[in-house]
Protein backbone atom coordinates (compact mmCIF):
# COMPACT_ATOMS: atom_id res chain seq x y z
CA MET A 1 0.00 0.00 0.00
CA ALA A 2 1.10 3.59 -0.60
CA ASP A 3 2.94 5.29 2.24
CA GLY A 4 1.72 8.11 4.42
CA ASN A 5 3.35 10.80 2.24
CA SER A 6 1.38 9.78 -0.89
CA THR A 7 -1.84 11.46 -1.95
CA VAL A 8 -5.34 10.53 -0.83
CA GLY A 9 -5.98 9.30 -4.36
CA LYS A 10 -2.99 6.96 -4.41
CA ARG A 11 -3.94 5.51 -1.02
CA LEU A 12 -7.52 5.05 -2.15
CA ARG A 13 -6.50 3.36 -5.41
CA SER A 14 -4.07 1.04 -3.60
CA LEU A 15 -6.73 -0.02 -1.11
CA ARG A 16 -9.30 -0.54 -3.88
CA LEU A 17 -6.96 -2.69 -5.95
CA ASP A 18 -5.92 -4.71 -2.87
CA ARG A 19 -9.57 -5.69 -2.50
CA GLY A 20 -10.14 -6.35 -6.19
CA TYR A 21 -12.84 -3.70 -6.64
CA SER A 22 -13.45 -1.68 -9.75
CA GLN A 23 -14.05 2.04 -9.29
CA GLN A 24 -17.75 1.48 -9.97
CA GLU A 25 -17.95 -1.34 -7.44
CA LEU A 26 -16.28 0.78 -4.75
CA ALA A 27 -18.61 3.68 -5.51
CA ASN A 28 -21.63 1.37 -5.23
CA ARG A 29 -20.43 -0.21 -1.98
CA ALA A 30 -19.71 3.20 -0.43
CA GLY A 31 -22.81 4.96 -1.72
CA VAL A 32 -20.79 7.74 -3.37
CA SER A 33 -20.56 8.82 -6.99
CA LEU A 34 -18.24 7.17 -9.49
CA ASP A 35 -17.04 10.67 -10.39
CA LEU A 36 -15.82 11.22 -6.82
CA VAL A 37 -13.79 8.00 -6.82
CA SER A 38 -12.36 8.76 -10.26
CA LEU A 39 -11.44 12.36 -9.47
CA LEU A 40 -9.78 11.36 -6.20
CA GLU A 41 -7.75 8.53 -7.71
CA ARG A 42 -6.53 10.75 -10.55
CA ASP A 43 -5.54 13.43 -8.01
CA VAL A 44 -7.80 15.87 -9.82
CA ARG A 45 -9.51 16.26 -6.50
CA GLU A 46 -7.43 15.86 -3.35
CA SER A 47 -9.96 16.32 -0.56
CA MET A 48 -13.47 15.22 0.31
CA SER A 49 -16.03 15.60 3.07
CA TRP A 50 -15.62 13.60 6.27
CA ALA A 51 -18.91 11.84 5.50
CA SER A 52 -17.59 10.65 2.11
CA MET A 53 -14.31 9.54 3.66
CA VAL A 54 -16.18 7.51 6.26
CA LYS A 55 -18.31 5.86 3.57
CA LEU A 56 -15.26 4.92 1.50
CA ALA A 57 -13.40 3.68 4.58
CA ARG A 58 -16.33 1.45 5.58
CA ALA A 59 -16.54 0.03 2.07
CA LEU A 60 -12.80 -0.74 2.15
CA ASP A 61 -12.89 -2.05 5.74
CA VAL A 62 -10.30 0.40 7.08
CA ASP A 63 -10.31 3.30 9.52
CA PRO A 64 -10.81 6.71 7.88
CA GLY A 65 -7.35 7.72 9.09
CA VAL A 66 -5.80 5.17 6.70
CA ILE A 67 -7.27 7.02 3.73
CA ALA A 68 -6.53 10.42 5.26
CA GLY A 69 -2.89 9.44 5.75
CA LYS A 70 -2.54 10.30 9.42
CA LYS A 71 1.11 10.73 10.31
CA PRO A 72 2.34 8.03 12.72
CA ALA A 73 5.63 9.65 13.70
CA LEU A 74 6.20 12.31 16.35
CA ASP A 75 8.74 15.10 16.54
CA PRO A 76 12.03 13.69 17.86
CA VAL A 77 12.22 13.86 21.65
CA PRO A 78 14.49 11.55 23.64
CA GLY A 79 12.42 8.51 24.55
CA ALA A 80 9.43 9.55 22.44
CA ALA A 81 7.72 7.04 20.18
CA VAL A 82 4.12 6.33 19.35
CA LEU A 83 4.84 2.62 19.65
CA SER A 84 5.95 3.06 23.26
CA VAL A 85 2.53 4.56 24.04
CA ARG A 86 0.78 1.77 22.15
CA ASP A 87 2.85 -0.81 24.02
CA ALA A 88 1.92 0.78 27.33
CA VAL A 89 -1.74 0.30 26.37
CA ILE A 90 -1.48 -3.20 24.86
CA ASN A 91 0.70 -4.58 27.62
CA PRO A 92 0.66 -8.17 28.93
CA GLY A 93 1.46 -6.76 32.33
CA LEU A 94 -2.11 -5.47 32.44
CA LEU A 95 -3.53 -8.98 32.47
CA PRO A 96 -5.34 -9.97 35.68
CA THR A 97 -3.21 -10.82 38.76
CA LEU A 98 -0.03 -9.22 37.33
CA HIS A 99 1.49 -6.29 39.21
CA PRO A 100 2.97 -3.17 37.56
CA ASP A 101 6.71 -3.30 36.93
CA HIS A 102 8.22 -0.85 39.40
CA GLU A 103 10.97 -0.62 41.94
CA GLY A 104 10.31 1.23 45.19
CA GLU A 105 7.22 2.80 46.70
CA PRO A 106 4.46 4.35 44.62
CA ALA A 107 4.38 8.11 44.27
CA ASP A 108 1.81 9.95 46.35
CA ALA A 109 -1.43 11.10 44.73
CA ALA A 110 -0.54 14.80 44.84
CA SER A 111 2.80 14.25 43.06
CA LEU A 112 1.16 12.14 40.38
CA TRP A 113 -1.53 14.71 39.87
CA ARG A 114 1.09 17.38 39.16
CA LEU A 115 2.58 15.07 36.51
CA VAL A 116 -0.86 14.55 34.97
CA GLU A 117 -1.40 18.30 34.82
CA ARG A 118 1.97 18.77 33.14
CA ALA A 119 1.08 16.07 30.61
CA TYR A 120 -2.18 17.81 29.74
CA GLY A 121 -0.24 21.03 29.29
CA ALA A 122 1.90 19.25 26.69
CA TYR A 123 -1.16 17.80 24.96
CA PHE A 124 -3.09 21.05 24.69
CA GLY A 125 0.12 22.82 23.73
CA GLY A 126 0.53 20.47 20.77
CA GLU A 127 3.76 18.94 22.13
CA PHE A 128 2.91 15.34 21.27
CA GLY A 129 6.52 14.16 21.24
CA VAL A 130 7.10 15.44 24.78
CA LEU A 131 3.87 13.83 25.90
CA ALA A 132 4.68 10.47 24.30
CA ALA A 133 8.08 10.46 25.97
CA ASP A 134 6.52 10.88 29.41
CA LEU A 135 3.36 8.82 29.07
CA PRO A 136 4.61 5.22 29.50
CA ASN A 137 6.30 6.07 32.80
CA LEU A 138 3.35 8.15 33.94
CA ILE A 139 0.95 5.29 33.22
CA ASN A 140 3.11 2.85 35.15
CA GLU A 141 3.42 5.20 38.15
CA CYS A 142 -0.35 5.73 38.17
CA ARG A 143 -0.97 2.00 37.87
CA LEU A 144 1.23 1.32 40.88
CA LEU A 145 -0.62 3.80 43.09
CA HIS A 146 -3.94 2.47 41.81
CA ALA A 147 -2.90 -1.12 42.58
CA ASN A 148 -2.06 -0.14 46.15
CA ASP A 149 -5.00 2.23 46.69
CA PRO A 150 -7.65 2.09 43.94
CA ALA A 151 -9.65 5.06 45.21
CA ALA A 152 -6.60 7.32 45.58
CA GLY A 153 -5.15 6.38 42.20
CA ALA A 154 -8.33 6.27 40.16
CA ALA A 155 -8.41 9.85 38.86
CA ALA A 156 -4.74 10.08 37.86
CA LEU A 157 -4.75 6.69 36.16
CA ALA A 158 -7.98 7.46 34.30
CA HIS A 159 -6.50 10.64 32.87
CA ALA A 160 -3.20 8.97 32.01
CA TRP A 161 -5.12 6.42 29.94
CA GLN A 162 -7.18 9.23 28.42
CA LEU A 163 -4.04 11.05 27.31
CA ALA A 164 -2.73 7.85 25.74
CA SER A 165 -6.00 7.50 23.85
CA CYS A 166 -5.77 11.06 22.54
CA VAL A 167 -2.17 10.72 21.32
CA LEU A 168 -2.98 7.44 19.60
CA VAL A 169 -5.92 9.00 17.75
CA HIS A 170 -3.76 11.84 16.47
CA THR A 171 -1.19 9.36 15.16
CA GLY A 172 -3.67 7.06 13.43
CA ARG A 173 -3.82 4.15 15.90
CA ASP A 174 -7.53 4.30 16.57
CA ASP A 175 -7.95 0.69 17.73
CA ALA A 176 -5.31 1.08 20.45
CA ALA A 177 -6.91 4.44 21.30
CA ALA A 178 -10.24 2.69 21.93
CA ILE A 179 -8.54 0.24 24.30
CA ALA A 180 -6.93 3.13 26.19
CA ALA A 181 -10.28 4.94 26.41
CA GLU A 182 -11.90 1.83 27.85
CA ARG A 183 -9.11 1.52 30.42
CA ALA A 184 -9.72 5.14 31.39
CA ILE A 185 -13.39 4.39 32.05
CA LEU A 186 -12.58 1.30 34.11
CA ALA A 187 -10.05 3.23 36.21
CA ALA A 188 -12.48 6.10 36.83
CA LYS A 189 -15.09 3.65 38.11
CA ASP A 190 -12.83 3.09 41.15
CA GLY A 191 -13.13 6.76 42.03
CA ASN A 192 -16.08 8.64 43.48
CA ASP A 193 -16.67 11.31 40.85
CA PRO A 194 -19.53 10.52 38.44
CA TRP A 195 -18.89 13.64 36.37
CA ARG A 196 -15.28 12.64 35.68
CA LEU A 197 -16.46 9.18 34.68
CA ALA A 198 -19.00 10.67 32.27
CA THR A 199 -16.35 12.73 30.48
CA LEU A 200 -14.37 9.58 29.76
CA TYR A 201 -17.35 8.10 27.94
CA GLY A 202 -17.05 11.26 25.87
CA THR A 203 -13.47 10.32 25.00
CA TYR A 204 -14.61 6.87 23.89
CA SER A 205 -17.29 8.51 21.74
CA TRP A 206 -14.64 10.77 20.18
CA VAL A 207 -12.48 7.74 19.33
CA MET A 208 -15.45 6.06 17.64
CA LEU A 209 -16.03 9.24 15.63
CA HIS A 210 -12.49 8.95 14.28
CA GLN A 211 -13.13 5.28 13.50
CA GLY A 212 -16.07 6.33 11.36
CA ARG A 213 -18.60 4.75 13.75
CA LEU A 214 -20.76 7.85 13.71
CA GLU A 215 -24.11 6.53 14.89
CA GLU A 216 -22.50 4.57 17.73
CA ALA A 217 -20.49 7.63 18.75
CA GLU A 218 -23.64 9.73 18.90
CA GLN A 219 -25.58 7.07 20.80
CA LEU A 220 -22.85 6.63 23.40
CA ALA A 221 -22.57 10.37 23.99
CA THR A 222 -26.33 10.81 24.41
CA SER A 223 -26.65 7.77 26.68
CA ALA A 224 -23.88 9.04 28.95
CA ALA A 225 -25.41 12.54 28.92
CA ASP A 226 -28.82 11.16 29.89
CA GLU A 227 -27.25 9.44 32.90
CA ILE A 228 -26.05 12.74 34.34
CA GLU A 229 -28.60 15.20 32.91
CA PRO A 230 -28.58 18.13 35.33
CA VAL A 231 -31.42 19.99 36.95
CA MET A 232 -29.92 23.36 36.10
CA SER A 233 -31.11 25.13 39.23
CA LYS A 234 -29.37 22.54 41.43
CA ALA A 235 -26.44 21.32 39.34
CA VAL A 236 -22.82 22.02 40.24
CA PRO A 237 -20.73 23.56 37.42
CA GLU A 238 -18.67 20.37 36.97
CA GLN A 239 -21.82 18.40 36.21
CA ILE A 240 -22.91 20.94 33.59
CA THR A 241 -19.46 20.81 31.95
CA ALA A 242 -19.47 17.01 31.79
CA TRP A 243 -23.02 16.89 30.44
CA GLY A 244 -22.50 19.75 27.99
CA GLY A 245 -19.34 18.20 26.60
CA LEU A 246 -21.24 15.00 25.87
CA ILE A 247 -24.05 16.89 24.13
CA LEU A 248 -21.46 18.62 21.93
CA ASN A 249 -19.91 15.22 21.14
CA ALA A 250 -23.32 14.04 19.98
CA ALA A 251 -23.77 17.19 17.88
CA VAL A 252 -20.44 16.68 16.10
CA SER A 253 -21.30 13.03 15.37
CA ALA A 254 -24.67 14.03 13.94
CA GLY A 255 -23.02 16.73 11.84
CA ALA A 256 -20.49 14.21 10.52
CA ARG A 257 -23.46 12.10 9.38
CA THR A 258 -24.75 15.22 7.55
CA ASP A 259 -27.85 15.24 9.77
CA ARG A 260 -28.09 19.00 10.16
CA GLU A 261 -31.48 18.99 11.87
CA ARG A 262 -30.31 16.65 14.62
CA ALA A 263 -26.99 18.45 15.03
CA GLU A 264 -28.75 21.78 15.43
CA GLU A 265 -31.11 20.28 18.01
CA TYR A 266 -28.11 19.19 20.11
CA LEU A 267 -26.52 22.61 19.68
CA ARG A 268 -29.67 24.35 20.94
CA VAL A 269 -29.69 22.13 24.02
CA ALA A 270 -25.99 22.77 24.61
CA ALA A 271 -26.43 26.53 24.18
CA ALA A 272 -29.15 26.57 26.83
CA GLY A 273 -26.83 24.75 29.23
CA ALA A 274 -23.90 27.02 28.37
CA ALA A 275 -25.99 30.05 29.24
CA ARG A 276 -26.17 28.71 32.81
CA VAL A 277 -22.40 28.79 33.27
CA ALA A 278 -22.00 32.16 31.48
CA LYS A 279 -18.23 31.77 31.07
CA ASP A 280 -16.42 28.78 29.57
CA ARG A 281 -15.13 26.21 32.04
CA HIS A 282 -12.42 23.55 31.77
CA ASP A 283 -13.35 20.74 34.18
CA TYR A 284 -11.64 17.33 33.86
CA TRP A 285 -9.93 18.85 30.81
CA VAL A 286 -13.28 19.06 29.08
CA SER A 287 -14.25 22.53 27.89
CA PHE A 288 -17.80 23.82 27.87
CA GLY A 289 -19.48 27.20 27.71
CA PRO A 290 -20.69 29.77 25.16
CA SER A 291 -17.39 29.86 23.25
CA HIS A 292 -17.20 26.10 22.92
CA VAL A 293 -20.77 25.87 21.68
CA ALA A 294 -19.75 28.42 19.04
CA VAL A 295 -16.57 26.45 18.26
CA GLN A 296 -18.51 23.26 17.62
CA THR A 297 -21.20 25.13 15.68
CA THR A 298 -18.43 26.46 13.42
CA HIS A 299 -17.01 22.94 13.10
CA ILE A 300 -20.35 21.36 12.23
CA MET A 301 -21.40 24.05 9.77
CA THR A 302 -18.00 23.79 8.08
CA ALA A 303 -18.47 20.04 7.73
CA LEU A 304 -21.95 20.63 6.28
CA HIS A 305 -20.55 23.11 3.72
CA GLU A 306 -22.48 26.02 5.23
CA PRO A 307 -19.68 28.61 5.29
CA GLU A 308 -21.83 31.63 6.10
CA ALA A 309 -23.31 29.92 9.16
CA ALA A 310 -19.86 28.73 10.20
CA LEU A 311 -18.29 32.18 9.95
CA GLU A 312 -21.20 33.77 11.78
CA ALA A 313 -20.81 31.30 14.65
CA SER A 314 -17.06 31.94 14.70
CA LYS A 315 -17.68 35.56 15.68
CA ARG A 316 -18.94 34.30 19.06
CA VAL A 317 -15.69 32.49 19.91
CA ARG A 318 -13.46 34.09 22.52
CA ARG A 319 -9.80 33.21 21.99
CA ASP A 320 -9.05 33.32 25.72
CA ASP A 321 -11.60 30.55 26.34
CA LEU A 322 -9.67 28.01 24.24
CA PHE A 323 -6.51 25.99 24.79
CA LYS A 324 -3.84 26.39 22.12
CA VAL A 325 -4.69 23.37 19.97
CA GLN A 326 -8.42 23.97 20.40
CA PHE A 327 -7.95 27.40 18.89
CA GLY A 328 -5.75 25.92 16.17
CA ARG A 329 -8.45 23.45 15.15
CA HIS A 330 -11.01 26.24 15.18
CA LEU A 331 -8.82 28.32 12.88
CA LEU A 332 -8.68 25.42 10.41
CA ASN A 333 -12.49 25.27 10.33
CA GLU A 334 -12.60 29.00 9.84
CA ALA A 335 -10.05 28.73 7.03
CA ARG A 336 -12.04 26.03 5.25
CA SER A 337 -15.21 28.14 5.36
CA LEU A 338 -13.29 31.20 4.15
CA LEU A 339 -11.94 29.14 1.27
CA GLU A 340 -15.47 28.05 0.34
CA ARG A 341 -16.40 31.74 0.25
CA ARG A 342 -13.44 32.22 -2.16
CA ARG A 343 -11.63 34.39 0.38
CA THR A 344 -8.39 32.56 -0.37
CA ASP A 345 -5.97 35.05 1.19
CA ASP A 346 -7.96 35.16 4.42
CA ALA A 347 -8.10 31.36 4.46
CA LEU A 348 -4.35 31.16 4.00
CA ALA A 349 -3.78 33.63 6.83
CA ALA A 350 -5.96 31.60 9.20
CA THR A 351 -4.16 28.37 8.23
CA VAL A 352 -0.76 29.96 8.79
CA ARG A 353 -1.90 31.16 12.23
CA ALA A 354 -2.99 27.62 13.08
CA ARG A 355 0.39 26.20 12.11
CA GLU A 356 2.27 28.85 14.07
CA LEU A 357 0.48 27.77 17.25
CA SER A 358 2.09 24.32 17.04
CA PRO A 359 3.81 23.02 13.88
CA GLU A 360 3.97 19.52 15.42
CA TRP A 361 0.23 19.41 16.10
CA PHE A 362 -0.48 20.93 12.67
CA ARG A 363 1.29 18.23 10.68
CA HIS A 364 -0.74 15.51 12.43
CA GLN A 365 -4.03 17.04 11.24
CA GLY A 366 -5.47 15.40 8.13
CA PHE A 367 -7.83 18.36 7.87
CA ALA A 368 -4.82 20.72 7.68
CA ARG A 369 -3.30 18.60 4.94
CA SER A 370 -6.41 18.66 2.73
CA LEU A 371 -6.83 22.39 3.37
CA THR A 372 -3.22 23.02 2.34
CA VAL A 373 -3.74 21.02 -0.86
CA ASP A 374 -6.81 23.07 -1.75
CA LEU A 375 -5.06 26.36 -0.96
CA ALA A 376 -2.18 25.37 -3.26
CA GLU A 377 -4.63 24.55 -6.04
CA ARG A 378 -6.13 28.04 -5.83
CA LYS A 379 -2.78 29.76 -6.31
CA THR A 380 -0.82 29.90 -9.55
CA ARG A 381 2.33 30.72 -7.57
CA LEU A 382 3.17 29.60 -4.06
CA SER A 383 3.88 32.45 -1.66
CA ALA A 384 6.48 31.88 1.05
CA PRO A 385 3.83 31.17 3.75
CA LEU A 386 1.97 28.73 1.50
CA ARG A 387 5.23 27.04 0.49
CA THR A 388 5.96 26.46 4.20
CA LEU A 389 2.55 24.83 4.64
CA VAL A 390 3.11 22.61 1.60
CA GLN A 391 6.51 21.53 2.88
CA GLU A 392 4.95 20.39 6.16
CA PHE A 393 3.28 17.61 4.21
CA GLY A 394 6.15 16.69 1.90
CA GLY A 395 4.89 18.76 -1.01
CA VAL A 396 1.70 18.38 -3.01
CA SER A 397 1.23 17.04 -6.50
């Protein structure tokens, strides 16, 4: 099969031929047009909607990230490797009755929590290599405390597994990410915080979204939200954050299925809840509030090819309410909608801003890659900023 630096079309053609399908047969199996398959394979068209990618991936029996060409490697950091994170998740030492490998006494809960907070700082700062270098040891330290005192170690271990799941998604290892997300849920069950536990179901839903399991992702998010649905006059803010984050997960899944009516229904519910907290909150490293409702509205309307609605929603986003990579992803949505409005220079400026926030994070975004390809196609000559974007992805054909 073609490598990760090839085009979407070459990867698609290689997968199709591996399975012995004609272009027409693949189009029929996926429920997309023959023209789409042909244009993609000839590199006449180098991007497609998420919904079309999911359909093609299901027809070819692969994760969407395989077609998108997610980058498996991280920036070089001593000790950093995606495989070391995967191995920490798929580890025979996790089998029942086996004890974590460790010499000495477990760290205390407060010390571990500081390490978890530092790890989240790396994640939301887009420093995936730094995070991957630290994660295997962090997981093992958290496991040791959890083995000795399940209640005391539950929160730290749950979030260590969650971080592993997130890194694995960004590097195209969605199956291992699902295992890590499940481990996070199981660890959180040993704690006494139902809102934290609910947010981890949200992580599992997010992994399924990346696997192309859109209906299941939506169903899981809504089921978990129903379990903790708040009475707004009595709810604590953490409960509203956990619940609101799940509702937004469901909205994104519905939008990815191109079900605008259902997505907008979720967004209305989320907006009503966000109005109760007034200002965006970040509980359990889940973000919820007016800005994040606007962020996800922008995301969904971009996916639905409704650029005017996306750009209108974007006006309600406050930069200070978002972590670095959250703002970066929002800028990419904004850039895509600007490009659809033929505001190419504005789209390029937004994309450049996104990359400047974290070049490492940027090059792991399939959405950034397809956006860069489309920007290059609109220009007869590559400016210096656009040339830098193109070079991030090994050039475009």
